[in-house]
Amino acid sequence: MSAPHFWSTPLRYLRWASHEKPAIFYSIVLGSFGPVSLAVVPPIRRYFGDVDPETIPLSYPIPKGPRVIPQGFDDE
């Protein structure tokens, strides 16, 4: 039983796929950069001084004391 062509000569198969099926080949190449960028991009960002923003508050702060009602904006 012979081995599949990809595992016996992977570089030759990749060269053939880049010529015969370029759309599929290059979409897989570009798609493989996604998981790699998860590990590479954050340290590079921090090295250049880009910091993560503060977290967004999940509740509105309640002021202390009685509510001050603004004057002069009535419709009367």
PDB file of N, CA and C in Angstrom:
ATOM      1  N   MET A   1       0.852  -1.173   0.000  1.00  0.00           N
ATOM      2  CA  MET A   1       0.000   0.000   0.000  1.00  0.00           C
ATOM      3  C   MET A   1       0.898   1.236   0.000  1.00  0.00           C
ATOM      4  N   SER A   2       0.654   2.164  -0.894  1.00  0.00           N
ATOM      5  CA  SER A   2       1.515   3.344  -0.990  1.00  0.00           C
ATOM      6  C   SER A   2       0.987   4.460  -0.086  1.00  0.00           C
ATOM      7  N   ALA A   3       1.923   5.304   0.341  1.00  0.00           N
ATOM      8  CA  ALA A   3       1.562   6.430   1.210  1.00  0.00           C
ATOM      9  C   ALA A   3       0.950   7.542   0.366  1.00  0.00           C
ATOM     10  N   PRO A   4       0.054   8.336   0.936  1.00  0.00           N
ATOM     11  CA  PRO A   4      -0.499   9.474   0.196  1.00  0.00           C
ATOM     12  C   PRO A   4       0.619  10.440  -0.201  1.00  0.00           C
ATOM     13  N   HIS A   5       0.404  11.142  -1.296  1.00  0.00           N
ATOM     14  CA  HIS A   5       1.440  12.037  -1.817  1.00  0.00           C
ATOM     15  C   HIS A   5       1.778  13.162  -0.845  1.00  0.00           C
ATOM     16  N   PHE A   6       0.802  13.639  -0.108  1.00  0.00           N
ATOM     17  CA  PHE A   6       1.088  14.752   0.791  1.00  0.00           C
ATOM     18  C   PHE A   6       2.118  14.384   1.841  1.00  0.00           C
ATOM     19  N   TRP A   7       1.991  13.207   2.447  1.00  0.00           N
ATOM     20  CA  TRP A   7       2.888  12.842   3.537  1.00  0.00           C
ATOM     21  C   TRP A   7       4.238  12.351   3.025  1.00  0.00           C
ATOM     22  N   SER A   8       4.302  11.879   1.807  1.00  0.00           N
ATOM     23  CA  SER A   8       5.597  11.416   1.306  1.00  0.00           C
ATOM     24  C   SER A   8       6.444  12.567   0.776  1.00  0.00           C
ATOM     25  N   THR A   9       5.832  13.533   0.106  1.00  0.00           N
ATOM     26  CA  THR A   9       6.560  14.707  -0.402  1.00  0.00           C
ATOM     27  C   THR A   9       5.712  15.955  -0.176  1.00  0.00           C
ATOM     28  N   PRO A  10       5.706  16.506   1.040  1.00  0.00           N
ATOM     29  CA  PRO A  10       4.807  17.619   1.340  1.00  0.00           C
ATOM     30  C   PRO A  10       5.141  18.905   0.577  1.00  0.00           C
ATOM     31  N   LEU A  11       6.419  19.215   0.397  1.00  0.00           N
ATOM     32  CA  LEU A  11       6.759  20.455  -0.313  1.00  0.00           C
ATOM     33  C   LEU A  11       6.358  20.388  -1.792  1.00  0.00           C
ATOM     34  N   ARG A  12       6.537  19.229  -2.381  1.00  0.00           N
ATOM     35  CA  ARG A  12       6.133  19.066  -3.781  1.00  0.00           C
ATOM     36  C   ARG A  12       4.614  19.179  -3.914  1.00  0.00           C
ATOM     37  N   TYR A  13       3.879  18.606  -2.974  1.00  0.00           N
ATOM     38  CA  TYR A  13       2.423  18.708  -3.001  1.00  0.00           C
ATOM     39  C   TYR A  13       1.971  20.153  -2.798  1.00  0.00           C
ATOM     40  N   LEU A  14       2.615  20.891  -1.878  1.00  0.00           N
ATOM     41  CA  LEU A  14       2.240  22.283  -1.655  1.00  0.00           C
ATOM     42  C   LEU A  14       2.532  23.133  -2.883  1.00  0.00           C
ATOM     43  N   ARG A  15       3.636  22.864  -3.552  1.00  0.00           N
ATOM     44  CA  ARG A  15       3.945  23.600  -4.786  1.00  0.00           C
ATOM     45  C   ARG A  15       2.891  23.303  -5.857  1.00  0.00           C
ATOM     46  N   TRP A  16       2.488  22.035  -5.990  1.00  0.00           N
ATOM     47  CA  TRP A  16       1.457  21.681  -6.960  1.00  0.00           C
ATOM     48  C   TRP A  16       0.135  22.369  -6.622  1.00  0.00           C
ATOM     49  N   ALA A  17      -0.227  22.368  -5.329  1.00  0.00           N
ATOM     50  CA  ALA A  17      -1.494  22.978  -4.919  1.00  0.00           C
ATOM     51  C   ALA A  17      -1.472  24.483  -5.138  1.00  0.00           C
ATOM     52  N   SER A  18      -0.322  25.127  -4.959  1.00  0.00           N
ATOM     53  CA  SER A  18      -0.265  26.579  -5.176  1.00  0.00           C
ATOM     54  C   SER A  18      -0.427  26.933  -6.635  1.00  0.00           C
ATOM     55  N   HIS A  19      -0.061  26.030  -7.554  1.00  0.00           N
ATOM     56  CA  HIS A  19      -0.231  26.301  -8.982  1.00  0.00           C
ATOM     57  C   HIS A  19      -1.601  25.877  -9.495  1.00  0.00           C
ATOM     58  N   GLU A  20      -2.080  24.744  -9.037  1.00  0.00           N
ATOM     59  CA  GLU A  20      -3.320  24.194  -9.577  1.00  0.00           C
ATOM     60  C   GLU A  20      -4.572  24.692  -8.858  1.00  0.00           C
ATOM     61  N   LYS A  21      -4.496  24.945  -7.567  1.00  0.00           N
ATOM     62  CA  LYS A  21      -5.643  25.402  -6.771  1.00  0.00           C
ATOM     63  C   LYS A  21      -5.216  26.582  -5.896  1.00  0.00           C
ATOM     64  N   PRO A  22      -4.914  27.732  -6.522  1.00  0.00           N
ATOM     65  CA  PRO A  22      -4.350  28.837  -5.738  1.00  0.00           C
ATOM     66  C   PRO A  22      -5.325  29.457  -4.738  1.00  0.00           C
ATOM     67  N   ALA A  23      -6.595  29.507  -5.063  1.00  0.00           N
ATOM     68  CA  ALA A  23      -7.555  30.134  -4.152  1.00  0.00           C
ATOM     69  C   ALA A  23      -7.644  29.347  -2.842  1.00  0.00           C
ATOM     70  N   ILE A  24      -7.726  28.039  -2.951  1.00  0.00           N
ATOM     71  CA  ILE A  24      -7.820  27.208  -1.751  1.00  0.00           C
ATOM     72  C   ILE A  24      -6.495  27.228  -0.989  1.00  0.00           C
ATOM     73  N   PHE A  25      -5.385  27.124  -1.714  1.00  0.00           N
ATOM     74  CA  PHE A  25      -4.072  27.091  -1.074  1.00  0.00           C
ATOM     75  C   PHE A  25      -3.813  28.370  -0.281  1.00  0.00           C
ATOM     76  N   TYR A  26      -3.995  29.522  -0.913  1.00  0.00           N
ATOM     77  CA  TYR A  26      -3.672  30.775  -0.233  1.00  0.00           C
ATOM     78  C   TYR A  26      -4.706  31.144   0.838  1.00  0.00           C
ATOM     79  N   SER A  27      -5.942  30.689   0.705  1.00  0.00           N
ATOM     80  CA  SER A  27      -6.894  30.930   1.783  1.00  0.00           C
ATOM     81  C   SER A  27      -6.520  30.130   3.024  1.00  0.00           C
ATOM     82  N   ILE A  28      -5.986  28.942   2.844  1.00  0.00           N
ATOM     83  CA  ILE A  28      -5.520  28.155   3.987  1.00  0.00           C
ATOM     84  C   ILE A  28      -4.266  28.787   4.594  1.00  0.00           C
ATOM     85  N   VAL A  29      -3.373  29.302   3.754  1.00  0.00           N
ATOM     86  CA  VAL A  29      -2.165  29.970   4.258  1.00  0.00           C
ATOM     87  C   VAL A  29      -2.549  31.197   5.076  1.00  0.00           C
ATOM     88  N   LEU A  30      -3.431  32.044   4.547  1.00  0.00           N
ATOM     89  CA  LEU A  30      -3.849  33.239   5.274  1.00  0.00           C
ATOM     90  C   LEU A  30      -4.651  32.884   6.524  1.00  0.00           C
ATOM     91  N   GLY A  31      -5.475  31.853   6.446  1.00  0.00           N
ATOM     92  CA  GLY A  31      -6.259  31.432   7.599  1.00  0.00           C
ATOM     93  C   GLY A  31      -5.401  30.875   8.720  1.00  0.00           C
ATOM     94  N   SER A  32      -4.249  30.344   8.389  1.00  0.00           N
ATOM     95  CA  SER A  32      -3.370  29.812   9.434  1.00  0.00           C
ATOM     96  C   SER A  32      -2.700  30.927  10.224  1.00  0.00           C
ATOM     97  N   PHE A  33      -2.688  32.158   9.709  1.00  0.00           N
ATOM     98  CA  PHE A  33      -2.102  33.271  10.458  1.00  0.00           C
ATOM     99  C   PHE A  33      -2.985  33.693  11.630  1.00  0.00           C
ATOM    100  N   GLY A  34      -4.263  33.381  11.631  1.00  0.00           N
ATOM    101  CA  GLY A  34      -5.167  33.775  12.710  1.00  0.00           C
ATOM    102  C   GLY A  34      -4.770  33.220  14.066  1.00  0.00           C
ATOM    103  N   PRO A  35      -4.664  31.914  14.222  1.00  0.00           N
ATOM    104  CA  PRO A  35      -4.254  31.371  15.518  1.00  0.00           C
ATOM    105  C   PRO A  35      -2.844  31.800  15.931  1.00  0.00           C
ATOM    106  N   VAL A  36      -1.958  31.966  14.954  1.00  0.00           N
ATOM    107  CA  VAL A  36      -0.598  32.397  15.264  1.00  0.00           C
ATOM    108  C   VAL A  36      -0.620  33.821  15.816  1.00  0.00           C
ATOM    109  N   SER A  37      -1.477  34.674  15.263  1.00  0.00           N
ATOM    110  CA  SER A  37      -1.520  36.070  15.706  1.00  0.00           C
ATOM    111  C   SER A  37      -2.043  36.194  17.144  1.00  0.00           C
ATOM    112  N   LEU A  38      -2.806  35.231  17.632  1.00  0.00           N
ATOM    113  CA  LEU A  38      -3.270  35.277  19.017  1.00  0.00           C
ATOM    114  C   LEU A  38      -2.112  35.216  20.006  1.00  0.00           C
ATOM    115  N   ALA A  39      -1.056  34.533  19.648  1.00  0.00           N
ATOM    116  CA  ALA A  39       0.088  34.422  20.538  1.00  0.00           C
ATOM    117  C   ALA A  39       1.137  35.487  20.281  1.00  0.00           C
ATOM    118  N   VAL A  40       1.187  36.039  19.071  1.00  0.00           N
ATOM    119  CA  VAL A  40       2.267  36.941  18.694  1.00  0.00           C
ATOM    120  C   VAL A  40       1.903  38.413  18.871  1.00  0.00           C
ATOM    121  N   VAL A  41       0.683  38.804  18.540  1.00  0.00           N
ATOM    122  CA  VAL A  41       0.322  40.222  18.500  1.00  0.00           C
ATOM    123  C   VAL A  41       0.275  40.892  19.880  1.00  0.00           C
ATOM    124  N   PRO A  42      -0.312  40.316  20.940  1.00  0.00           N
ATOM    125  CA  PRO A  42      -0.368  41.032  22.220  1.00  0.00           C
ATOM    126  C   PRO A  42       0.997  41.447  22.789  1.00  0.00           C
ATOM    127  N   PRO A  43       2.029  40.604  22.780  1.00  0.00           N
ATOM    128  CA  PRO A  43       3.317  41.093  23.276  1.00  0.00           C
ATOM    129  C   PRO A  43       3.898  42.221  22.420  1.00  0.00           C
ATOM    130  N   ILE A  44       3.681  42.156  21.118  1.00  0.00           N
ATOM    131  CA  ILE A  44       4.174  43.225  20.242  1.00  0.00           C
ATOM    132  C   ILE A  44       3.449  44.526  20.547  1.00  0.00           C
ATOM    133  N   ARG A  45       2.139  44.468  20.770  1.00  0.00           N
ATOM    134  CA  ARG A  45       1.378  45.674  21.117  1.00  0.00           C
ATOM    135  C   ARG A  45       1.898  46.301  22.403  1.00  0.00           C
ATOM    136  N   ARG A  46       2.122  45.480  23.422  1.00  0.00           N
ATOM    137  CA  ARG A  46       2.609  46.011  24.703  1.00  0.00           C
ATOM    138  C   ARG A  46       4.023  46.573  24.569  1.00  0.00           C
ATOM    139  N   TYR A  47       4.841  45.984  23.716  1.00  0.00           N
ATOM    140  CA  TYR A  47       6.196  46.480  23.500  1.00  0.00           C
ATOM    141  C   TYR A  47       6.175  47.889  22.916  1.00  0.00           C
ATOM    142  N   PHE A  48       5.243  48.174  22.028  1.00  0.00           N
ATOM    143  CA  PHE A  48       5.143  49.484  21.406  1.00  0.00           C
ATOM    144  C   PHE A  48       4.319  50.469  22.221  1.00  0.00           C
ATOM    145  N   GLY A  49       3.857  50.085  23.405  1.00  0.00           N
ATOM    146  CA  GLY A  49       3.204  51.009  24.311  1.00  0.00           C
ATOM    147  C   GLY A  49       1.688  51.035  24.245  1.00  0.00           C
ATOM    148  N   ASP A  50       1.066  50.166  23.494  1.00  0.00           N
ATOM    149  CA  ASP A  50      -0.390  50.111  23.433  1.00  0.00           C
ATOM    150  C   ASP A  50      -0.896  49.311  24.629  1.00  0.00           C
ATOM    151  N   VAL A  51      -1.669  49.954  25.494  1.00  0.00           N
ATOM    152  CA  VAL A  51      -2.159  49.282  26.691  1.00  0.00           C
ATOM    153  C   VAL A  51      -3.628  48.914  26.511  1.00  0.00           C
ATOM    154  N   ASP A  52      -4.072  47.933  27.271  1.00  0.00           N
ATOM    155  CA  ASP A  52      -5.473  47.540  27.231  1.00  0.00           C
ATOM    156  C   ASP A  52      -6.315  48.615  27.904  1.00  0.00           C
ATOM    157  N   PRO A  53      -7.493  48.941  27.357  1.00  0.00           N
ATOM    158  CA  PRO A  53      -8.327  49.973  27.974  1.00  0.00           C
ATOM    159  C   PRO A  53      -8.919  49.493  29.296  1.00  0.00           C
ATOM    160  N   GLU A  54      -9.374  50.468  30.093  1.00  0.00           N
ATOM    161  CA  GLU A  54     -10.022  50.103  31.354  1.00  0.00           C
ATOM    162  C   GLU A  54     -11.324  49.368  31.057  1.00  0.00           C
ATOM    163  N   THR A  55     -11.733  48.537  31.996  1.00  0.00           N
ATOM    164  CA  THR A  55     -12.978  47.807  31.791  1.00  0.00           C
ATOM    165  C   THR A  55     -14.164  48.759  31.870  1.00  0.00           C
ATOM    166  N   ILE A  56     -15.184  48.462  31.110  1.00  0.00           N
ATOM    167  CA  ILE A  56     -16.392  49.279  31.092  1.00  0.00           C
ATOM    168  C   ILE A  56     -17.204  48.954  32.333  1.00  0.00           C
ATOM    169  N   PRO A  57     -17.669  49.986  33.091  1.00  0.00           N
ATOM    170  CA  PRO A  57     -18.465  49.697  34.282  1.00  0.00           C
ATOM    171  C   PRO A  57     -19.787  49.041  33.909  1.00  0.00           C
ATOM    172  N   LEU A  58     -20.199  48.096  34.700  1.00  0.00           N
ATOM    173  CA  LEU A  58     -21.440  47.375  34.430  1.00  0.00           C
ATOM    174  C   LEU A  58     -22.636  47.997  35.128  1.00  0.00           C
ATOM    175  N   SER A  59     -22.416  48.980  35.994  1.00  0.00           N
ATOM    176  CA  SER A  59     -23.522  49.644  36.666  1.00  0.00           C
ATOM    177  C   SER A  59     -23.225  51.135  36.743  1.00  0.00           C
ATOM    178  N   TYR A  60     -24.252  51.935  36.905  1.00  0.00           N
ATOM    179  CA  TYR A  60     -24.101  53.376  37.009  1.00  0.00           C
ATOM    180  C   TYR A  60     -23.847  53.723  38.470  1.00  0.00           C
ATOM    181  N   PRO A  61     -22.861  54.583  38.759  1.00  0.00           N
ATOM    182  CA  PRO A  61     -22.605  54.918  40.161  1.00  0.00           C
ATOM    183  C   PRO A  61     -23.754  55.731  40.753  1.00  0.00           C
ATOM    184  N   ILE A  62     -24.232  55.349  41.917  1.00  0.00           N
ATOM    185  CA  ILE A  62     -25.340  56.038  42.579  1.00  0.00           C
ATOM    186  C   ILE A  62     -24.761  57.141  43.451  1.00  0.00           C
ATOM    187  N   PRO A  63     -25.145  58.416  43.200  1.00  0.00           N
ATOM    188  CA  PRO A  63     -24.599  59.503  44.012  1.00  0.00           C
ATOM    189  C   PRO A  63     -25.147  59.453  45.436  1.00  0.00           C
ATOM    190  N   LYS A  64     -24.360  59.956  46.388  1.00  0.00           N
ATOM    191  CA  LYS A  64     -24.770  59.972  47.787  1.00  0.00           C
ATOM    192  C   LYS A  64     -25.588  61.240  48.055  1.00  0.00           C
ATOM    193  N   GLY A  65     -26.505  61.168  48.967  1.00  0.00           N
ATOM    194  CA  GLY A  65     -27.309  62.323  49.343  1.00  0.00           C
ATOM    195  C   GLY A  65     -28.571  62.435  48.501  1.00  0.00           C
ATOM    196  N   PRO A  66     -29.377  63.490  48.755  1.00  0.00           N
ATOM    197  CA  PRO A  66     -30.620  63.646  48.018  1.00  0.00           C
ATOM    198  C   PRO A  66     -30.356  64.101  46.581  1.00  0.00           C
ATOM    199  N   ARG A  67     -31.304  63.799  45.715  1.00  0.00           N
ATOM    200  CA  ARG A  67     -31.187  64.169  44.308  1.00  0.00           C
ATOM    201  C   ARG A  67     -31.455  65.658  44.154  1.00  0.00           C
ATOM    202  N   VAL A  68     -30.581  66.344  43.427  1.00  0.00           N
ATOM    203  CA  VAL A  68     -30.755  67.765  43.181  1.00  0.00           C
ATOM    204  C   VAL A  68     -31.549  67.925  41.896  1.00  0.00           C
ATOM    205  N   ILE A  69     -32.729  68.555  41.987  1.00  0.00           N
ATOM    206  CA  ILE A  69     -33.565  68.748  40.826  1.00  0.00           C
ATOM    207  C   ILE A  69     -33.199  70.078  40.171  1.00  0.00           C
ATOM    208  N   PRO A  70     -32.857  70.076  38.892  1.00  0.00           N
ATOM    209  CA  PRO A  70     -32.468  71.323  38.215  1.00  0.00           C
ATOM    210  C   PRO A  70     -33.664  72.277  38.129  1.00  0.00           C
ATOM    211  N   GLN A  71     -33.391  73.560  38.232  1.00  0.00           N
ATOM    212  CA  GLN A  71     -34.432  74.580  38.171  1.00  0.00           C
ATOM    213  C   GLN A  71     -34.336  75.311  36.827  1.00  0.00           C
ATOM    214  N   GLY A  72     -35.509  75.819  36.344  1.00  0.00           N
ATOM    215  CA  GLY A  72     -35.519  76.617  35.131  1.00  0.00           C
ATOM    216  C   GLY A  72     -35.743  75.847  33.851  1.00  0.00           C
ATOM    217  N   PHE A  73     -36.021  74.570  33.928  1.00  0.00           N
ATOM    218  CA  PHE A  73     -36.265  73.792  32.731  1.00  0.00           C
ATOM    219  C   PHE A  73     -37.670  73.270  32.637  1.00  0.00           C
ATOM    220  N   ASP A  74     -38.601  73.854  33.397  1.00  0.00           N
ATOM    221  CA  ASP A  74     -39.993  73.397  33.387  1.00  0.00           C
ATOM    222  C   ASP A  74     -40.681  73.894  32.125  1.00  0.00           C
ATOM    223  N   ASP A  75     -41.708  73.182  31.696  1.00  0.00           N
ATOM    224  CA  ASP A  75     -42.467  73.558  30.521  1.00  0.00           C
ATOM    225  C   ASP A  75     -43.592  74.517  30.830  1.00  0.00           C
ATOM    226  N   GLU A  76     -43.725  74.958  32.033  1.00  0.00           N
ATOM    227  CA  GLU A  76     -44.857  75.827  32.423  1.00  0.00           C
ATOM    228  C   GLU A  76     -44.685  77.221  31.968  1.00  0.00           C
TER     229      GLU A  76
END
